[in-house]
C-alpha atoms as a PDB file:
ATOM      1  CA  MET A   1     -10.164  19.180  19.848  1.00  0.00           C
ATOM      2  CA  LEU A   2     -10.963  19.190  16.133  1.00  0.00           C
ATOM      3  CA  LEU A   3     -12.043  22.447  14.579  1.00  0.00           C
ATOM      4  CA  SER A   4     -14.787  22.812  12.005  1.00  0.00           C
ATOM      5  CA  SER A   5     -13.804  24.012   8.550  1.00  0.00           C
ATOM      6  CA  VAL A   6     -14.883  27.588   9.327  1.00  0.00           C
ATOM      7  CA  GLN A   7     -13.098  27.549  12.713  1.00  0.00           C
ATOM      8  CA  GLN A   8      -9.918  26.200  11.103  1.00  0.00           C
ATOM      9  CA  ARG A   9      -9.975  28.919   8.446  1.00  0.00           C
ATOM     10  CA  GLN A  10     -10.535  31.570  11.133  1.00  0.00           C
ATOM     11  CA  TRP A  11      -7.611  30.197  13.172  1.00  0.00           C
ATOM     12  CA  ILE A  12      -5.301  30.467  10.123  1.00  0.00           C
ATOM     13  CA  LEU A  13      -6.490  34.022   9.461  1.00  0.00           C
ATOM     14  CA  ASP A  14      -5.901  35.003  13.108  1.00  0.00           C
ATOM     15  CA  TYR A  15      -2.431  33.428  12.977  1.00  0.00           C
ATOM     16  CA  LEU A  16      -1.541  35.430   9.859  1.00  0.00           C
ATOM     17  CA  HIS A  17      -2.678  38.651  11.546  1.00  0.00           C
ATOM     18  CA  MET A  18      -0.570  37.924  14.648  1.00  0.00           C
ATOM     19  CA  HIS A  19       2.599  36.672  12.926  1.00  0.00           C
ATOM     20  CA  THR A  20       2.936  38.843   9.839  1.00  0.00           C
ATOM     21  CA  ALA A  21       5.102  41.937   9.772  1.00  0.00           C
ATOM     22  CA  HIS A  22       6.482  44.055   6.933  1.00  0.00           C
ATOM     23  CA  THR A  23       9.281  41.473   6.584  1.00  0.00           C
ATOM     24  CA  GLY A  24       6.808  38.619   5.999  1.00  0.00           C
ATOM     25  CA  THR A  25       5.065  35.901   7.991  1.00  0.00           C
ATOM     26  CA  LYS A  26       6.943  33.735  10.469  1.00  0.00           C
ATOM     27  CA  TYR A  27       5.696  30.209  11.099  1.00  0.00           C
ATOM     28  CA  PHE A  28       6.416  28.512  14.414  1.00  0.00           C
ATOM     29  CA  ILE A  29       6.033  24.965  15.695  1.00  0.00           C
ATOM     30  CA  ARG A  30       6.751  24.587  19.438  1.00  0.00           C
ATOM     31  CA  GLY A  31       8.719  27.813  19.457  1.00  0.00           C
ATOM     32  CA  LYS A  32      10.936  26.913  16.499  1.00  0.00           C
ATOM     33  CA  GLU A  33      10.663  28.827  13.241  1.00  0.00           C
ATOM     34  CA  VAL A  34       9.869  26.552  10.284  1.00  0.00           C
ATOM     35  CA  CYS A  35       9.066  26.973   6.603  1.00  0.00           C
ATOM     36  CA  VAL A  36       5.453  27.293   5.509  1.00  0.00           C
ATOM     37  CA  GLN A  37       5.380  23.762   4.054  1.00  0.00           C
ATOM     38  CA  MET A  38       6.538  22.256   7.365  1.00  0.00           C
ATOM     39  CA  TRP A  39       4.054  24.402   9.303  1.00  0.00           C
ATOM     40  CA  LEU A  40       1.168  23.232   7.109  1.00  0.00           C
ATOM     41  CA  SER A  41       2.303  19.625   7.288  1.00  0.00           C
ATOM     42  CA  CYS A  42       2.658  19.631  11.085  1.00  0.00           C
ATOM     43  CA  LEU A  43      -0.774  21.186  11.525  1.00  0.00           C
ATOM     44  CA  GLY A  44      -2.410  18.967   8.892  1.00  0.00           C
ATOM     45  CA  LEU A  45      -3.590  21.926   6.812  1.00  0.00           C
ATOM     46  CA  SER A  46      -4.074  21.704   3.066  1.00  0.00           C
ATOM     47  CA  LEU A  47      -2.176  24.029   0.774  1.00  0.00           C
ATOM     48  CA  SER A  48      -5.387  25.102  -0.978  1.00  0.00           C
ATOM     49  CA  ARG A  49      -7.069  26.049   2.314  1.00  0.00           C
ATOM     50  CA  PHE A  50      -3.985  28.047   3.303  1.00  0.00           C
ATOM     51  CA  TYR A  51      -3.897  29.911  -0.030  1.00  0.00           C
ATOM     52  CA  ASN A  52      -7.619  30.675   0.204  1.00  0.00           C
ATOM     53  CA  VAL A  53      -7.227  32.115   3.702  1.00  0.00           C
ATOM     54  CA  ARG A  54      -4.044  33.980   2.783  1.00  0.00           C
ATOM     55  CA  SER A  55      -6.011  35.589  -0.043  1.00  0.00           C
ATOM     56  CA  LEU A  56      -8.588  36.762   2.516  1.00  0.00           C
ATOM     57  CA  TYR A  57      -5.740  38.142   4.650  1.00  0.00           C
ATOM     58  CA  THR A  58      -4.207  40.125   1.786  1.00  0.00           C
ATOM     59  CA  LYS A  59      -7.649  41.617   1.046  1.00  0.00           C
ATOM     60  CA  GLY A  60      -7.833  42.873   4.637  1.00  0.00           C
ATOM     61  CA  HIS A  61     -10.400  40.455   6.062  1.00  0.00           C
ATOM     62  CA  VAL A  62     -10.357  39.927   9.826  1.00  0.00           C
ATOM     63  CA  SER A  63     -13.007  37.218   9.840  1.00  0.00           C
ATOM     64  CA  VAL A  64     -13.829  34.346   7.540  1.00  0.00           C
ATOM     65  CA  PRO A  65     -17.121  34.704   5.687  1.00  0.00           C
ATOM     66  CA  LYS A  66     -19.693  32.070   6.599  1.00  0.00           C
ATOM     67  CA  PRO A  67     -20.433  29.589   3.814  1.00  0.00           C
ATOM     68  CA  VAL A  68     -23.662  30.179   1.938  1.00  0.00           C
ATOM     69  CA  VAL A  69     -26.159  27.386   2.516  1.00  0.00           C
ATOM     70  CA  ARG A  70     -28.424  26.896  -0.450  1.00  0.00           C
ATOM     71  CA  ARG A  71     -31.963  25.703   0.011  1.00  0.00           C
ATOM     72  CA  THR A  72     -32.943  22.682  -2.048  1.00  0.00           C
ATOM     73  CA  SER A  73     -35.582  23.609  -4.618  1.00  0.00           C
ATOM     74  CA  SER A  74     -38.926  21.856  -4.758  1.00  0.00           C
ATOM     75  CA  LYS A  75     -38.026  20.518  -8.221  1.00  0.00           C
ATOM     76  CA  THR A  76     -34.902  18.908  -6.825  1.00  0.00           C
ATOM     77  CA  MET A  77     -36.772  17.409  -3.859  1.00  0.00           C
ATOM     78  CA  MET A  78     -39.438  16.056  -6.234  1.00  0.00           C
ATOM     79  CA  ALA A  79     -36.750  14.516  -8.443  1.00  0.00           C
ATOM     80  CA  ILE A  80     -35.053  12.848  -5.461  1.00  0.00           C
ATOM     81  CA  ALA A  81     -38.391  11.468  -4.249  1.00  0.00           C
ATOM     82  CA  TRP A  82     -39.218  10.191  -7.745  1.00  0.00           C
ATOM     83  CA  MET A  83     -35.815   8.517  -8.111  1.00  0.00           C
ATOM     84  CA  ASP A  84     -36.049   6.892  -4.676  1.00  0.00           C
ATOM     85  CA  GLU A  85     -39.498   5.454  -5.392  1.00  0.00           C
ATOM     86  CA  TYR A  86     -38.562   4.393  -8.953  1.00  0.00           C
ATOM     87  CA  PHE A  87     -35.308   2.686  -7.962  1.00  0.00           C
ATOM     88  CA  HIS A  88     -36.964   0.797  -5.115  1.00  0.00           C
ATOM     89  CA  ARG A  89     -39.888  -0.259  -7.330  1.00  0.00           C
ATOM     90  CA  ILE A  90     -37.957  -1.594 -10.347  1.00  0.00           C
ATOM     91  CA  GLY A  91     -34.554  -2.322  -8.832  1.00  0.00           C
ATOM     92  CA  ASP A  92     -33.224  -5.661  -7.625  1.00  0.00           C
ATOM     93  CA  HIS A  93     -32.080  -5.316  -4.005  1.00  0.00           C
ATOM     94  CA  MET A  94     -28.864  -7.219  -3.331  1.00  0.00           C
ATOM     95  CA  PRO A  95     -29.167  -9.436  -0.226  1.00  0.00           C
ATOM     96  CA  ASP A  96     -25.507  -9.205   0.797  1.00  0.00           C
ATOM     97  CA  ARG A  97     -24.975  -5.440   0.529  1.00  0.00           C
ATOM     98  CA  MET A  98     -26.852  -2.143   0.349  1.00  0.00           C
ATOM     99  CA  ALA A  99     -26.981  -2.107  -3.447  1.00  0.00           C
ATOM    100  CA  ILE A 100     -29.772  -1.884  -5.975  1.00  0.00           C
ATOM    101  CA  ASN A 101     -29.236  -3.186  -9.501  1.00  0.00           C
ATOM    102  CA  LEU A 102     -31.519  -1.855 -12.192  1.00  0.00           C
ATOM    103  CA  PRO A 103     -32.411  -4.017 -15.213  1.00  0.00           C
ATOM    104  CA  CYS A 104     -29.377  -4.356 -17.486  1.00  0.00           C
ATOM    105  CA  PHE A 105     -31.280  -3.271 -20.617  1.00  0.00           C
ATOM    106  CA  MET A 106     -31.917   0.169 -19.111  1.00  0.00           C
ATOM    107  CA  SER A 107     -29.760   3.253 -19.468  1.00  0.00           C
ATOM    108  CA  ARG A 108     -29.540   6.441 -17.465  1.00  0.00           C
ATOM    109  CA  ASP A 109     -30.976   8.264 -20.458  1.00  0.00           C
ATOM    110  CA  MET A 110     -34.027   5.942 -20.544  1.00  0.00           C
ATOM    111  CA  ILE A 111     -34.625   6.564 -16.853  1.00  0.00           C
ATOM    112  CA  TYR A 112     -34.327  10.337 -17.307  1.00  0.00           C
ATOM    113  CA  LYS A 113     -36.854  10.216 -20.161  1.00  0.00           C
ATOM    114  CA  GLN A 114     -39.213   8.215 -17.930  1.00  0.00           C
ATOM    115  CA  PHE A 115     -38.768  10.859 -15.228  1.00  0.00           C
ATOM    116  CA  VAL A 116     -39.620  13.658 -17.675  1.00  0.00           C
ATOM    117  CA  SER A 117     -42.720  11.823 -18.920  1.00  0.00           C
ATOM    118  CA  ASP A 118     -43.915  11.145 -15.343  1.00  0.00           C
ATOM    119  CA  MET A 119     -43.459  14.729 -14.159  1.00  0.00           C
ATOM    120  CA  SER A 120     -45.307  17.809 -15.339  1.00  0.00           C
ATOM    121  CA  ASP A 121     -43.266  20.155 -17.545  1.00  0.00           C
ATOM    122  CA  ASN A 122     -42.671  22.731 -14.834  1.00  0.00           C
ATOM    123  CA  GLN A 123     -41.435  20.115 -12.332  1.00  0.00           C
ATOM    124  CA  THR A 124     -38.563  18.618 -14.347  1.00  0.00           C
ATOM    125  CA  ILE A 125     -34.861  19.268 -13.859  1.00  0.00           C
ATOM    126  CA  SER A 126     -32.078  19.194 -16.424  1.00  0.00           C
ATOM    127  CA  ARG A 127     -30.469  15.937 -17.493  1.00  0.00           C
ATOM    128  CA  SER A 128     -27.115  16.954 -15.983  1.00  0.00           C
ATOM    129  CA  GLN A 129     -28.748  17.801 -12.650  1.00  0.00           C
ATOM    130  CA  PHE A 130     -30.609  14.471 -12.730  1.00  0.00           C
ATOM    131  CA  TYR A 131     -27.334  12.595 -13.278  1.00  0.00           C
ATOM    132  CA  SER A 132     -25.657  14.630 -10.554  1.00  0.00           C
ATOM    133  CA  LEU A 133     -28.444  13.829  -8.087  1.00  0.00           C
ATOM    134  CA  TRP A 134     -28.120  10.157  -8.976  1.00  0.00           C
ATOM    135  CA  SER A 135     -24.352  10.203  -8.397  1.00  0.00           C
ATOM    136  CA  ASN A 136     -24.576  12.119  -5.116  1.00  0.00           C
ATOM    137  CA  ASN A 137     -27.706  10.634  -3.550  1.00  0.00           C
ATOM    138  CA  PHE A 138     -27.991   7.135  -4.990  1.00  0.00           C
ATOM    139  CA  ARG A 139     -24.441   5.777  -5.128  1.00  0.00           C
ATOM    140  CA  ASN A 140     -25.810   2.337  -4.311  1.00  0.00           C
ATOM    141  CA  VAL A 141     -27.941   2.210  -7.486  1.00  0.00           C
ATOM    142  CA  SER A 142     -26.306   0.921 -10.649  1.00  0.00           C
ATOM    143  CA  ILE A 143     -27.063  -0.613 -14.012  1.00  0.00           C
ATOM    144  CA  PRO A 144     -24.936  -3.763 -14.310  1.00  0.00           C
ATOM    145  CA  LYS A 145     -23.204  -4.506 -17.563  1.00  0.00           C
ATOM    146  CA  VAL A 146     -23.917  -7.931 -19.050  1.00  0.00           C
ATOM    147  CA  LEU A 147     -21.396  -9.573 -21.338  1.00  0.00           C
ATOM    148  CA  LEU A 148     -22.867 -11.885 -23.931  1.00  0.00           C
ATOM    149  CA  LYS A 149     -20.918 -15.053 -24.633  1.00  0.00           C
ATOM    150  CA  HIS A 150     -21.118 -16.501 -28.099  1.00  0.00           C
ATOM    151  CA  ALA A 151     -21.121 -20.292 -28.431  1.00  0.00           C
END
């Protein structure tokens, strides 16, 4: 059975509480003591996750804090809706794959400026957030590069 990220972190924390004494932590695989690298490798745990949980252990935590889920702002939802409608309206849908090519003369900056002019001032997002939304939500949308050949 696969554990969720939170469950996996809790399992590591519980293990540290059960197997750590004043002499240090002992790591076991099938009853045999192994080094921490072998233990992590056998269990498929990342080193960064282990260090994060070990930090919680040294601070005295007995449970893993739940991740904070952020609510998407109305500005962000409006931007995503605008981008979706804009890309589908002006983009060229590729017949052989789930891709949309925008006109090659356009740039991301031009599209952002169009977004700002279409939205009211209090409904815009920053340029960096706009680009981030594009990268995370519209990976299938691109502006192809055209090479000009001289005769």
